[in-house]
């Protein structure tokens, strides 16, 4: 399978290492400890953070759409967005110094772990190009549908090192409801 599958145990160990570095002890007021002894922020707090992260996407879409229209092509909007992201991320890494970059060279990662930026490029160009034509709400509801469909398949088969979560009837119903939501957002 060309290294697309890794065990859930390996994934859990990697996620635990990352989470310990990202969320040091005492970083959040309420914390829970799982059966492996890993301390995590309480789920409600993480869900709130995820919702707040989601609010950045329509803001980014609106900004990139306007940049793309002004420049005459969405590629300029993507370039500005990625450049600013790179500068801000570089400043963050220099100030916080998370982890060790040398560990990447020793990690023996599969080839596909290095192409995530290419998917980001497709996403950024697509947002900037399609938002003026479809509208931000319709576009983002469609991208959420695409994300959930892809995630469902990847998790169902445990591809790309993701833990196995089968597509149960409840999950399929959830996807169907998202499709209904896309139709409603587009129609009304």
C-alpha atoms as a PDB file:
ATOM      1  CA  UNK A   1       0.000   0.000   0.000  1.00  0.00           C
ATOM      2  CA  UNK A   2       3.091   2.247  -0.453  1.00  0.00           C
ATOM      3  CA  UNK A   3       3.296   3.228   3.203  1.00  0.00           C
ATOM      4  CA  UNK A   4      -0.214   4.672   3.245  1.00  0.00           C
ATOM      5  CA  UNK A   5      -1.200   2.617   6.263  1.00  0.00           C
ATOM      6  CA  UNK A   6       0.352   2.808   9.682  1.00  0.00           C
ATOM      7  CA  UNK A   7      -0.995   1.266  12.786  1.00  0.00           C
ATOM      8  CA  UNK A   8      -3.364   3.169  15.014  1.00  0.00           C
ATOM      9  CA  UNK A   9      -0.912   2.561  17.862  1.00  0.00           C
ATOM     10  CA  UNK A  10       1.888   4.363  15.968  1.00  0.00           C
ATOM     11  CA  UNK A  11      -0.456   7.220  15.131  1.00  0.00           C
ATOM     12  CA  UNK A  12      -1.560   7.511  18.761  1.00  0.00           C
ATOM     13  CA  UNK A  13       2.047   7.609  19.968  1.00  0.00           C
ATOM     14  CA  UNK A  14       2.936  10.349  17.470  1.00  0.00           C
ATOM     15  CA  UNK A  15      -0.176  12.346  18.340  1.00  0.00           C
ATOM     16  CA  UNK A  16       0.646  12.023  22.044  1.00  0.00           C
ATOM     17  CA  UNK A  17       4.169  13.347  21.479  1.00  0.00           C
ATOM     18  CA  UNK A  18       2.875  16.295  19.496  1.00  0.00           C
ATOM     19  CA  UNK A  19       0.104  17.045  21.968  1.00  0.00           C
ATOM     20  CA  UNK A  20       2.482  17.030  24.926  1.00  0.00           C
ATOM     21  CA  UNK A  21       4.694  19.558  23.132  1.00  0.00           C
ATOM     22  CA  UNK A  22       1.774  21.694  21.935  1.00  0.00           C
ATOM     23  CA  UNK A  23      -0.173  21.660  25.208  1.00  0.00           C
ATOM     24  CA  UNK A  24       2.266  21.669  28.131  1.00  0.00           C
ATOM     25  CA  UNK A  25       0.952  20.878  31.586  1.00  0.00           C
ATOM     26  CA  UNK A  26      -0.975  23.754  33.065  1.00  0.00           C
ATOM     27  CA  UNK A  27      -1.681  25.367  29.678  1.00  0.00           C
ATOM     28  CA  UNK A  28      -5.438  24.972  30.100  1.00  0.00           C
ATOM     29  CA  UNK A  29      -7.608  25.318  33.199  1.00  0.00           C
ATOM     30  CA  UNK A  30      -9.518  22.029  32.785  1.00  0.00           C
ATOM     31  CA  UNK A  31      -7.686  18.885  31.705  1.00  0.00           C
ATOM     32  CA  UNK A  32      -8.514  15.198  31.381  1.00  0.00           C
ATOM     33  CA  UNK A  33      -6.212  12.188  31.481  1.00  0.00           C
ATOM     34  CA  UNK A  34      -6.860   9.251  29.158  1.00  0.00           C
ATOM     35  CA  UNK A  35      -6.086   5.581  29.756  1.00  0.00           C
ATOM     36  CA  UNK A  36      -2.573   5.941  28.283  1.00  0.00           C
ATOM     37  CA  UNK A  37      -1.792   8.590  30.904  1.00  0.00           C
ATOM     38  CA  UNK A  38      -1.833  11.430  28.382  1.00  0.00           C
ATOM     39  CA  UNK A  39      -3.341  14.636  29.698  1.00  0.00           C
ATOM     40  CA  UNK A  40      -5.587  16.467  27.256  1.00  0.00           C
ATOM     41  CA  UNK A  41      -7.520  19.730  27.477  1.00  0.00           C
ATOM     42  CA  UNK A  42     -11.199  19.132  28.156  1.00  0.00           C
ATOM     43  CA  UNK A  43     -13.150  18.247  24.980  1.00  0.00           C
ATOM     44  CA  UNK A  44     -15.541  21.203  25.195  1.00  0.00           C
ATOM     45  CA  UNK A  45     -12.612  23.616  25.140  1.00  0.00           C
ATOM     46  CA  UNK A  46     -11.057  21.887  22.124  1.00  0.00           C
ATOM     47  CA  UNK A  47     -14.410  21.983  20.339  1.00  0.00           C
ATOM     48  CA  UNK A  48     -14.696  25.716  21.011  1.00  0.00           C
ATOM     49  CA  UNK A  49     -11.178  26.222  19.646  1.00  0.00           C
ATOM     50  CA  UNK A  50     -12.143  24.228  16.525  1.00  0.00           C
ATOM     51  CA  UNK A  51     -15.234  26.397  15.982  1.00  0.00           C
ATOM     52  CA  UNK A  52     -13.144  29.551  16.369  1.00  0.00           C
ATOM     53  CA  UNK A  53     -10.582  28.141  13.920  1.00  0.00           C
ATOM     54  CA  UNK A  54     -13.416  27.575  11.472  1.00  0.00           C
ATOM     55  CA  UNK A  55     -14.343  31.251  11.570  1.00  0.00           C
ATOM     56  CA  UNK A  56     -10.964  32.054  10.013  1.00  0.00           C
ATOM     57  CA  UNK A  57     -11.842  30.212   6.797  1.00  0.00           C
ATOM     58  CA  UNK A  58     -14.650  32.520   5.550  1.00  0.00           C
ATOM     59  CA  UNK A  59     -12.531  35.520   6.518  1.00  0.00           C
ATOM     60  CA  UNK A  60      -9.607  34.125   4.527  1.00  0.00           C
ATOM     61  CA  UNK A  61     -11.925  33.265   1.647  1.00  0.00           C
ATOM     62  CA  UNK A  62     -13.336  36.794   1.496  1.00  0.00           C
ATOM     63  CA  UNK A  63      -9.871  38.364   1.663  1.00  0.00           C
ATOM     64  CA  UNK A  64      -8.398  36.049  -0.982  1.00  0.00           C
ATOM     65  CA  UNK A  65     -11.430  36.457  -3.238  1.00  0.00           C
ATOM     66  CA  UNK A  66     -11.080  40.245  -3.127  1.00  0.00           C
ATOM     67  CA  UNK A  67      -7.316  40.031  -3.720  1.00  0.00           C
ATOM     68  CA  UNK A  68      -7.800  37.664  -6.651  1.00  0.00           C
ATOM     69  CA  UNK A  69     -10.399  39.894  -8.276  1.00  0.00           C
ATOM     70  CA  UNK A  70      -8.245  43.002  -7.801  1.00  0.00           C
ATOM     71  CA  UNK A  71      -5.140  41.290  -9.187  1.00  0.00           C
ATOM     72  CA  UNK A  72      -6.994  39.649 -12.055  1.00  0.00           C
ATOM     73  CA  UNK A  73      -6.138  36.062 -11.065  1.00  0.00           C
ATOM     74  CA  UNK A  74      -6.571  33.938  -7.904  1.00  0.00           C
ATOM     75  CA  UNK A  75      -2.919  32.836  -8.034  1.00  0.00           C
ATOM     76  CA  UNK A  76      -1.866  36.273  -6.762  1.00  0.00           C
ATOM     77  CA  UNK A  77      -4.230  35.973  -3.817  1.00  0.00           C
ATOM     78  CA  UNK A  78      -2.835  32.523  -2.999  1.00  0.00           C
ATOM     79  CA  UNK A  79       0.726  33.854  -3.239  1.00  0.00           C
ATOM     80  CA  UNK A  80      -0.005  36.745  -0.874  1.00  0.00           C
ATOM     81  CA  UNK A  81      -1.787  34.394   1.546  1.00  0.00           C
ATOM     82  CA  UNK A  82       0.974  31.790   1.555  1.00  0.00           C
ATOM     83  CA  UNK A  83       3.715  34.424   1.867  1.00  0.00           C
ATOM     84  CA  UNK A  84       2.048  36.005   4.879  1.00  0.00           C
ATOM     85  CA  UNK A  85       1.478  32.559   6.387  1.00  0.00           C
ATOM     86  CA  UNK A  86       5.156  31.694   5.878  1.00  0.00           C
ATOM     87  CA  UNK A  87       6.335  34.934   7.485  1.00  0.00           C
ATOM     88  CA  UNK A  88       4.015  34.573  10.483  1.00  0.00           C
ATOM     89  CA  UNK A  89       4.876  30.907  10.931  1.00  0.00           C
ATOM     90  CA  UNK A  90       8.598  31.657  10.706  1.00  0.00           C
ATOM     91  CA  UNK A  91       8.218  34.302  13.426  1.00  0.00           C
ATOM     92  CA  UNK A  92       6.264  31.826  15.577  1.00  0.00           C
ATOM     93  CA  UNK A  93       8.898  29.100  15.162  1.00  0.00           C
ATOM     94  CA  UNK A  94      11.740  31.511  15.923  1.00  0.00           C
ATOM     95  CA  UNK A  95      10.003  32.816  19.044  1.00  0.00           C
ATOM     96  CA  UNK A  96       8.520  29.593  20.440  1.00  0.00           C
ATOM     97  CA  UNK A  97      11.047  27.063  19.073  1.00  0.00           C
ATOM     98  CA  UNK A  98       8.674  24.080  19.072  1.00  0.00           C
ATOM     99  CA  UNK A  99      10.235  20.631  18.596  1.00  0.00           C
ATOM    100  CA  UNK A 100      13.362  19.945  16.597  1.00  0.00           C
ATOM    101  CA  UNK A 101      13.501  20.243  12.812  1.00  0.00           C
ATOM    102  CA  UNK A 102      16.325  17.680  12.669  1.00  0.00           C
ATOM    103  CA  UNK A 103      13.812  15.072  13.857  1.00  0.00           C
ATOM    104  CA  UNK A 104      12.082  15.331  10.463  1.00  0.00           C
ATOM    105  CA  UNK A 105      15.173  14.055   8.684  1.00  0.00           C
ATOM    106  CA  UNK A 106      15.458  11.094  11.043  1.00  0.00           C
ATOM    107  CA  UNK A 107      11.747  10.280  11.100  1.00  0.00           C
ATOM    108  CA  UNK A 108      11.726   8.186   7.909  1.00  0.00           C
ATOM    109  CA  UNK A 109       8.393   9.622   6.849  1.00  0.00           C
ATOM    110  CA  UNK A 110       6.599   8.361   3.718  1.00  0.00           C
ATOM    111  CA  UNK A 111       6.736  10.536   0.590  1.00  0.00           C
ATOM    112  CA  UNK A 112       3.133  11.683   0.865  1.00  0.00           C
ATOM    113  CA  UNK A 113       3.756  13.481   4.169  1.00  0.00           C
ATOM    114  CA  UNK A 114       5.778  16.103   2.299  1.00  0.00           C
ATOM    115  CA  UNK A 115       3.097  17.146  -0.225  1.00  0.00           C
ATOM    116  CA  UNK A 116       0.538  18.712   2.127  1.00  0.00           C
ATOM    117  CA  UNK A 117       1.414  22.171   0.853  1.00  0.00           C
ATOM    118  CA  UNK A 118       0.302  21.169  -2.641  1.00  0.00           C
ATOM    119  CA  UNK A 119      -3.165  20.405  -1.284  1.00  0.00           C
ATOM    120  CA  UNK A 120      -3.158  23.784   0.451  1.00  0.00           C
ATOM    121  CA  UNK A 121      -2.360  25.422  -2.887  1.00  0.00           C
ATOM    122  CA  UNK A 122      -5.324  23.713  -4.554  1.00  0.00           C
ATOM    123  CA  UNK A 123      -7.551  24.818  -1.681  1.00  0.00           C
ATOM    124  CA  UNK A 124      -6.354  28.445  -1.691  1.00  0.00           C
ATOM    125  CA  UNK A 125      -6.591  28.832  -5.463  1.00  0.00           C
ATOM    126  CA  UNK A 126     -10.007  27.206  -5.469  1.00  0.00           C
ATOM    127  CA  UNK A 127     -11.347  29.460  -2.727  1.00  0.00           C
ATOM    128  CA  UNK A 128     -10.105  32.617  -4.398  1.00  0.00           C
ATOM    129  CA  UNK A 129     -11.415  31.559  -7.818  1.00  0.00           C
ATOM    130  CA  UNK A 130     -14.794  30.104  -6.824  1.00  0.00           C
ATOM    131  CA  UNK A 131     -15.966  32.427  -4.014  1.00  0.00           C
ATOM    132  CA  UNK A 132     -17.008  35.254  -6.360  1.00  0.00           C
ATOM    133  CA  UNK A 133     -18.956  32.788  -8.523  1.00  0.00           C
ATOM    134  CA  UNK A 134     -20.579  30.523  -5.938  1.00  0.00           C
ATOM    135  CA  UNK A 135     -20.700  32.762  -2.873  1.00  0.00           C
ATOM    136  CA  UNK A 136     -18.737  32.110   0.298  1.00  0.00           C
ATOM    137  CA  UNK A 137     -21.443  30.160   2.167  1.00  0.00           C
ATOM    138  CA  UNK A 138     -22.140  27.782  -0.731  1.00  0.00           C
ATOM    139  CA  UNK A 139     -18.435  27.336  -1.479  1.00  0.00           C
ATOM    140  CA  UNK A 140     -17.531  26.609   2.122  1.00  0.00           C
ATOM    141  CA  UNK A 141     -20.457  24.222   2.599  1.00  0.00           C
ATOM    142  CA  UNK A 142     -19.237  22.313  -0.469  1.00  0.00           C
ATOM    143  CA  UNK A 143     -15.651  22.243   0.809  1.00  0.00           C
ATOM    144  CA  UNK A 144     -16.844  20.976   4.192  1.00  0.00           C
ATOM    145  CA  UNK A 145     -18.757  18.238   2.373  1.00  0.00           C
ATOM    146  CA  UNK A 146     -15.621  17.332   0.426  1.00  0.00           C
ATOM    147  CA  UNK A 147     -13.556  17.311   3.620  1.00  0.00           C
ATOM    148  CA  UNK A 148     -16.022  15.067   5.420  1.00  0.00           C
ATOM    149  CA  UNK A 149     -16.349  12.657   2.497  1.00  0.00           C
ATOM    150  CA  UNK A 150     -12.576  12.363   2.138  1.00  0.00           C
ATOM    151  CA  UNK A 151     -12.071  12.042   5.904  1.00  0.00           C
ATOM    152  CA  UNK A 152     -14.764   9.375   6.098  1.00  0.00           C
ATOM    153  CA  UNK A 153     -13.091   7.270   3.411  1.00  0.00           C
ATOM    154  CA  UNK A 154      -9.572   7.798   4.803  1.00  0.00           C
ATOM    155  CA  UNK A 155     -10.650   6.849   8.329  1.00  0.00           C
ATOM    156  CA  UNK A 156     -12.798   3.938   7.140  1.00  0.00           C
ATOM    157  CA  UNK A 157      -9.764   2.312   5.536  1.00  0.00           C
ATOM    158  CA  UNK A 158      -7.168   3.682   7.974  1.00  0.00           C
ATOM    159  CA  UNK A 159      -5.215   5.260   5.119  1.00  0.00           C
ATOM    160  CA  UNK A 160      -2.460   7.841   5.610  1.00  0.00           C
ATOM    161  CA  UNK A 161      -1.848   6.747   9.178  1.00  0.00           C
ATOM    162  CA  UNK A 162      -5.290   7.783  10.399  1.00  0.00           C
ATOM    163  CA  UNK A 163      -6.982   5.671  13.057  1.00  0.00           C
ATOM    164  CA  UNK A 164      -9.635   3.302  11.737  1.00  0.00           C
ATOM    165  CA  UNK A 165     -13.197   4.567  12.197  1.00  0.00           C
ATOM    166  CA  UNK A 166     -15.661   2.562  10.080  1.00  0.00           C
ATOM    167  CA  UNK A 167     -18.362   4.287   8.067  1.00  0.00           C
ATOM    168  CA  UNK A 168     -21.252   3.284  10.270  1.00  0.00           C
ATOM    169  CA  UNK A 169     -24.887   3.982   9.366  1.00  0.00           C
ATOM    170  CA  UNK A 170     -24.810   6.934  11.784  1.00  0.00           C
ATOM    171  CA  UNK A 171     -21.784   8.449  10.055  1.00  0.00           C
ATOM    172  CA  UNK A 172     -23.343   7.932   6.627  1.00  0.00           C
ATOM    173  CA  UNK A 173     -26.512   9.651   7.896  1.00  0.00           C
ATOM    174  CA  UNK A 174     -24.363  12.536   9.117  1.00  0.00           C
ATOM    175  CA  UNK A 175     -22.820  12.866   5.649  1.00  0.00           C
ATOM    176  CA  UNK A 176     -26.284  12.779   4.080  1.00  0.00           C
ATOM    177  CA  UNK A 177     -27.362  15.600   6.400  1.00  0.00           C
ATOM    178  CA  UNK A 178     -24.355  17.635   5.268  1.00  0.00           C
ATOM    179  CA  UNK A 179     -25.440  17.086   1.645  1.00  0.00           C
ATOM    180  CA  UNK A 180     -28.916  18.310   2.617  1.00  0.00           C
ATOM    181  CA  UNK A 181     -27.306  21.316   4.301  1.00  0.00           C
ATOM    182  CA  UNK A 182     -25.363  22.146   1.135  1.00  0.00           C
ATOM    183  CA  UNK A 183     -28.573  22.004  -0.901  1.00  0.00           C
ATOM    184  CA  UNK A 184     -30.358  24.293   1.579  1.00  0.00           C
ATOM    185  CA  UNK A 185     -27.485  26.780   1.723  1.00  0.00           C
ATOM    186  CA  UNK A 186     -27.323  26.915  -2.079  1.00  0.00           C
ATOM    187  CA  UNK A 187     -31.075  27.128  -2.628  1.00  0.00           C
ATOM    188  CA  UNK A 188     -31.934  29.706   0.055  1.00  0.00           C
END
